[in-house]
Amino acid sequence: PAVPTGAAPRVLLRSVASPQIGAGHLKRDIALALALRALGAEVGVALPELGPPFDGWLRDAGLPAFAVGALPDPQADAAACLAAWPGAHWAV
């Protein structure tokens, strides 16, 4: 959806991290989130589940974090992400 004039865009980054797959995606998404925030965007991060140490990294960065489950269907996953943070303009 379009961002209303004068409003900060709200971007929800969909990431993954776990002890099994590692945290490379999440680390890069945190860097992207901080860069977007520096440009004036409101940014949150959605993960399949929240748990240590990943939730702490997001908290330390001052980023809202949302657990959205692991949905195999991309459309259902996108819908769950947008529902997790009402008012988000984009889920990436």
N, C-alpha and C. Protein backbone atom coordinates (compact mmCIF):
# COMPACT_ATOMS: atom_id res chain seq x y z
N PRO A 1 0.82 -1.20 0.00
CA PRO A 1 0.00 0.00 0.00
C PRO A 1 0.86 1.26 0.00
N ALA A 2 0.26 2.32 -0.46
CA ALA A 2 0.95 3.60 -0.49
C ALA A 2 1.11 4.14 0.93
N VAL A 3 2.20 4.84 1.15
CA VAL A 3 2.45 5.47 2.44
C VAL A 3 1.79 6.84 2.41
N PRO A 4 0.94 7.15 3.39
CA PRO A 4 0.30 8.47 3.40
C PRO A 4 1.35 9.59 3.43
N THR A 5 1.03 10.69 2.78
CA THR A 5 1.93 11.84 2.75
C THR A 5 2.31 12.26 4.15
N GLY A 6 3.61 12.41 4.37
CA GLY A 6 4.10 12.86 5.68
C GLY A 6 4.28 11.75 6.70
N ALA A 7 3.83 10.55 6.38
CA ALA A 7 3.95 9.43 7.32
C ALA A 7 5.26 8.69 7.07
N ALA A 8 5.80 8.11 8.12
CA ALA A 8 6.98 7.26 7.97
C ALA A 8 6.55 5.91 7.43
N PRO A 9 7.26 5.38 6.45
CA PRO A 9 6.92 4.04 5.98
C PRO A 9 7.16 3.02 7.07
N ARG A 10 6.27 2.05 7.18
CA ARG A 10 6.42 0.94 8.14
C ARG A 10 6.79 -0.31 7.36
N VAL A 11 7.99 -0.82 7.63
CA VAL A 11 8.53 -1.96 6.90
C VAL A 11 8.74 -3.11 7.87
N LEU A 12 8.20 -4.27 7.53
CA LEU A 12 8.41 -5.47 8.33
C LEU A 12 9.33 -6.40 7.56
N LEU A 13 10.50 -6.67 8.12
CA LEU A 13 11.45 -7.58 7.49
C LEU A 13 11.19 -8.99 7.97
N ARG A 14 11.01 -9.91 7.03
CA ARG A 14 10.78 -11.32 7.36
C ARG A 14 12.14 -12.01 7.34
N SER A 15 12.53 -12.54 8.46
CA SER A 15 13.86 -13.14 8.58
C SER A 15 13.76 -14.55 9.12
N VAL A 16 14.89 -15.22 9.15
CA VAL A 16 14.99 -16.55 9.74
C VAL A 16 16.27 -16.64 10.55
N ALA A 17 16.23 -17.39 11.62
CA ALA A 17 17.41 -17.66 12.44
C ALA A 17 17.08 -18.81 13.36
N SER A 18 18.03 -19.70 13.52
CA SER A 18 17.86 -20.81 14.46
C SER A 18 19.24 -21.41 14.72
N PRO A 19 19.37 -22.16 15.80
CA PRO A 19 20.65 -22.83 16.04
C PRO A 19 21.02 -23.77 14.90
N GLN A 20 20.03 -24.33 14.21
CA GLN A 20 20.30 -25.27 13.13
C GLN A 20 20.77 -24.58 11.85
N ILE A 21 20.15 -23.46 11.49
CA ILE A 21 20.50 -22.81 10.22
C ILE A 21 21.43 -21.62 10.39
N GLY A 22 21.60 -21.15 11.60
CA GLY A 22 22.47 -20.01 11.84
C GLY A 22 21.71 -18.70 11.89
N ALA A 23 22.46 -17.62 11.94
CA ALA A 23 21.85 -16.31 12.13
C ALA A 23 22.31 -15.27 11.11
N GLY A 24 22.91 -15.72 10.02
CA GLY A 24 23.40 -14.78 9.02
C GLY A 24 22.32 -13.90 8.43
N HIS A 25 21.15 -14.49 8.11
CA HIS A 25 20.06 -13.69 7.56
C HIS A 25 19.61 -12.63 8.57
N LEU A 26 19.45 -13.03 9.81
CA LEU A 26 18.98 -12.10 10.82
C LEU A 26 20.00 -10.98 11.05
N LYS A 27 21.27 -11.28 11.11
CA LYS A 27 22.29 -10.24 11.30
C LYS A 27 22.22 -9.22 10.17
N ARG A 28 22.09 -9.69 8.93
CA ARG A 28 21.99 -8.76 7.80
C ARG A 28 20.68 -7.98 7.85
N ASP A 29 19.60 -8.62 8.27
CA ASP A 29 18.32 -7.91 8.38
C ASP A 29 18.36 -6.85 9.47
N ILE A 30 19.05 -7.10 10.56
CA ILE A 30 19.19 -6.08 11.60
C ILE A 30 19.95 -4.88 11.04
N ALA A 31 21.02 -5.12 10.29
CA ALA A 31 21.77 -4.02 9.68
C ALA A 31 20.88 -3.23 8.72
N LEU A 32 20.09 -3.94 7.90
CA LEU A 32 19.18 -3.27 6.98
C LEU A 32 18.12 -2.47 7.75
N ALA A 33 17.58 -3.06 8.81
CA ALA A 33 16.56 -2.38 9.61
C ALA A 33 17.11 -1.09 10.21
N LEU A 34 18.33 -1.13 10.71
CA LEU A 34 18.92 0.07 11.31
C LEU A 34 19.17 1.14 10.24
N ALA A 35 19.57 0.73 9.04
CA ALA A 35 19.77 1.69 7.95
C ALA A 35 18.43 2.31 7.53
N LEU A 36 17.39 1.50 7.41
CA LEU A 36 16.06 2.02 7.06
C LEU A 36 15.55 2.97 8.14
N ARG A 37 15.77 2.60 9.39
CA ARG A 37 15.34 3.47 10.49
C ARG A 37 16.08 4.80 10.45
N ALA A 38 17.36 4.78 10.11
CA ALA A 38 18.14 6.01 10.00
C ALA A 38 17.58 6.93 8.90
N LEU A 39 16.92 6.32 7.91
CA LEU A 39 16.31 7.09 6.83
C LEU A 39 14.87 7.52 7.15
N GLY A 40 14.39 7.18 8.35
CA GLY A 40 13.08 7.63 8.78
C GLY A 40 11.98 6.60 8.78
N ALA A 41 12.28 5.37 8.43
CA ALA A 41 11.26 4.32 8.41
C ALA A 41 11.06 3.73 9.80
N GLU A 42 9.87 3.22 10.05
CA GLU A 42 9.61 2.39 11.21
C GLU A 42 9.84 0.96 10.74
N VAL A 43 10.63 0.20 11.49
CA VAL A 43 10.99 -1.13 11.02
C VAL A 43 10.80 -2.15 12.13
N GLY A 44 10.20 -3.28 11.79
CA GLY A 44 10.06 -4.41 12.69
C GLY A 44 10.62 -5.65 12.00
N VAL A 45 10.81 -6.71 12.77
CA VAL A 45 11.35 -7.95 12.23
C VAL A 45 10.45 -9.11 12.64
N ALA A 46 10.10 -9.93 11.66
CA ALA A 46 9.29 -11.12 11.91
C ALA A 46 10.16 -12.36 11.74
N LEU A 47 10.04 -13.28 12.70
CA LEU A 47 10.77 -14.55 12.68
C LEU A 47 9.77 -15.69 12.86
N PRO A 48 10.13 -16.91 12.43
CA PRO A 48 9.23 -18.03 12.68
C PRO A 48 8.94 -18.21 14.17
N GLU A 49 9.96 -18.03 15.01
CA GLU A 49 9.77 -18.09 16.47
C GLU A 49 10.82 -17.18 17.11
N LEU A 50 10.50 -16.71 18.31
CA LEU A 50 11.43 -15.85 19.04
C LEU A 50 12.02 -16.64 20.19
N GLY A 51 13.29 -16.50 20.36
CA GLY A 51 13.96 -17.16 21.47
C GLY A 51 15.40 -16.68 21.53
N PRO A 52 16.06 -17.00 22.64
CA PRO A 52 17.44 -16.55 22.80
C PRO A 52 18.36 -17.23 21.80
N PRO A 53 19.37 -16.55 21.36
CA PRO A 53 19.74 -15.17 21.65
C PRO A 53 19.11 -14.16 20.71
N PHE A 54 18.34 -14.65 19.74
CA PHE A 54 17.85 -13.79 18.66
C PHE A 54 16.91 -12.69 19.14
N ASP A 55 16.02 -13.00 20.07
CA ASP A 55 15.12 -11.97 20.58
C ASP A 55 15.91 -10.87 21.29
N GLY A 56 16.99 -11.22 21.96
CA GLY A 56 17.83 -10.23 22.64
C GLY A 56 18.53 -9.32 21.65
N TRP A 57 18.98 -9.87 20.54
CA TRP A 57 19.63 -9.03 19.52
C TRP A 57 18.67 -7.97 19.00
N LEU A 58 17.43 -8.38 18.76
CA LEU A 58 16.43 -7.43 18.27
C LEU A 58 16.08 -6.40 19.33
N ARG A 59 15.93 -6.85 20.56
CA ARG A 59 15.64 -5.94 21.67
C ARG A 59 16.78 -4.93 21.82
N ASP A 60 18.03 -5.41 21.78
CA ASP A 60 19.19 -4.52 21.91
C ASP A 60 19.25 -3.49 20.79
N ALA A 61 18.76 -3.85 19.61
CA ALA A 61 18.74 -2.92 18.47
C ALA A 61 17.52 -2.00 18.51
N GLY A 62 16.63 -2.23 19.48
CA GLY A 62 15.43 -1.41 19.59
C GLY A 62 14.41 -1.70 18.50
N LEU A 63 14.40 -2.93 18.01
CA LEU A 63 13.49 -3.30 16.93
C LEU A 63 12.34 -4.16 17.45
N PRO A 64 11.10 -3.82 17.08
CA PRO A 64 9.98 -4.69 17.44
C PRO A 64 10.16 -6.05 16.76
N ALA A 65 9.86 -7.10 17.49
CA ALA A 65 10.02 -8.46 16.98
C ALA A 65 8.68 -9.20 17.08
N PHE A 66 8.41 -10.01 16.06
CA PHE A 66 7.14 -10.72 15.98
C PHE A 66 7.39 -12.17 15.59
N ALA A 67 6.77 -13.09 16.31
CA ALA A 67 6.81 -14.51 15.95
C ALA A 67 5.62 -14.79 15.05
N VAL A 68 5.89 -15.30 13.85
CA VAL A 68 4.81 -15.53 12.89
C VAL A 68 4.66 -16.98 12.47
N GLY A 69 5.45 -17.87 13.04
CA GLY A 69 5.37 -19.27 12.67
C GLY A 69 6.09 -19.55 11.37
N ALA A 70 6.19 -20.80 11.04
CA ALA A 70 6.85 -21.22 9.80
C ALA A 70 5.79 -21.72 8.84
N LEU A 71 5.38 -20.87 7.92
CA LEU A 71 4.33 -21.21 6.98
C LEU A 71 4.94 -21.50 5.61
N PRO A 72 4.71 -22.69 5.06
CA PRO A 72 5.35 -23.04 3.78
C PRO A 72 4.79 -22.28 2.58
N ASP A 73 3.56 -21.83 2.67
CA ASP A 73 2.94 -21.10 1.56
C ASP A 73 3.34 -19.63 1.63
N PRO A 74 4.00 -19.10 0.60
CA PRO A 74 4.46 -17.70 0.65
C PRO A 74 3.34 -16.69 0.87
N GLN A 75 2.17 -16.90 0.29
CA GLN A 75 1.07 -15.96 0.47
C GLN A 75 0.57 -15.98 1.91
N ALA A 76 0.45 -17.17 2.49
CA ALA A 76 0.02 -17.27 3.89
C ALA A 76 1.06 -16.66 4.82
N ASP A 77 2.33 -16.87 4.49
CA ASP A 77 3.41 -16.30 5.29
C ASP A 77 3.36 -14.78 5.25
N ALA A 78 3.19 -14.21 4.05
CA ALA A 78 3.11 -12.75 3.92
C ALA A 78 1.90 -12.21 4.69
N ALA A 79 0.78 -12.90 4.61
CA ALA A 79 -0.42 -12.46 5.34
C ALA A 79 -0.19 -12.50 6.85
N ALA A 80 0.48 -13.55 7.33
CA ALA A 80 0.77 -13.66 8.77
C ALA A 80 1.71 -12.54 9.21
N CYS A 81 2.68 -12.22 8.38
CA CYS A 81 3.61 -11.14 8.71
C CYS A 81 2.89 -9.81 8.83
N LEU A 82 2.06 -9.49 7.83
CA LEU A 82 1.34 -8.21 7.86
C LEU A 82 0.33 -8.16 9.00
N ALA A 83 -0.26 -9.29 9.35
CA ALA A 83 -1.21 -9.32 10.46
C ALA A 83 -0.49 -9.16 11.81
N ALA A 84 0.78 -9.56 11.87
CA ALA A 84 1.54 -9.46 13.12
C ALA A 84 1.81 -8.02 13.51
N TRP A 85 1.91 -7.14 12.53
CA TRP A 85 2.23 -5.72 12.80
C TRP A 85 1.24 -4.86 12.03
N PRO A 86 0.04 -4.67 12.58
CA PRO A 86 -0.96 -3.88 11.88
C PRO A 86 -0.42 -2.49 11.51
N GLY A 87 -0.73 -2.07 10.32
CA GLY A 87 -0.28 -0.77 9.85
C GLY A 87 1.01 -0.83 9.05
N ALA A 88 1.61 -2.02 8.96
CA ALA A 88 2.82 -2.14 8.13
C ALA A 88 2.46 -1.90 6.67
N HIS A 89 3.27 -1.11 5.99
CA HIS A 89 3.04 -0.85 4.58
C HIS A 89 3.61 -1.97 3.70
N TRP A 90 4.73 -2.55 4.14
CA TRP A 90 5.36 -3.60 3.35
C TRP A 90 5.92 -4.69 4.26
N ALA A 91 5.89 -5.90 3.77
CA ALA A 91 6.63 -7.02 4.39
C ALA A 91 7.63 -7.47 3.35
N VAL A 92 8.89 -7.49 3.74
CA VAL A 92 9.97 -7.82 2.80
C VAL A 92 10.73 -9.01 3.32
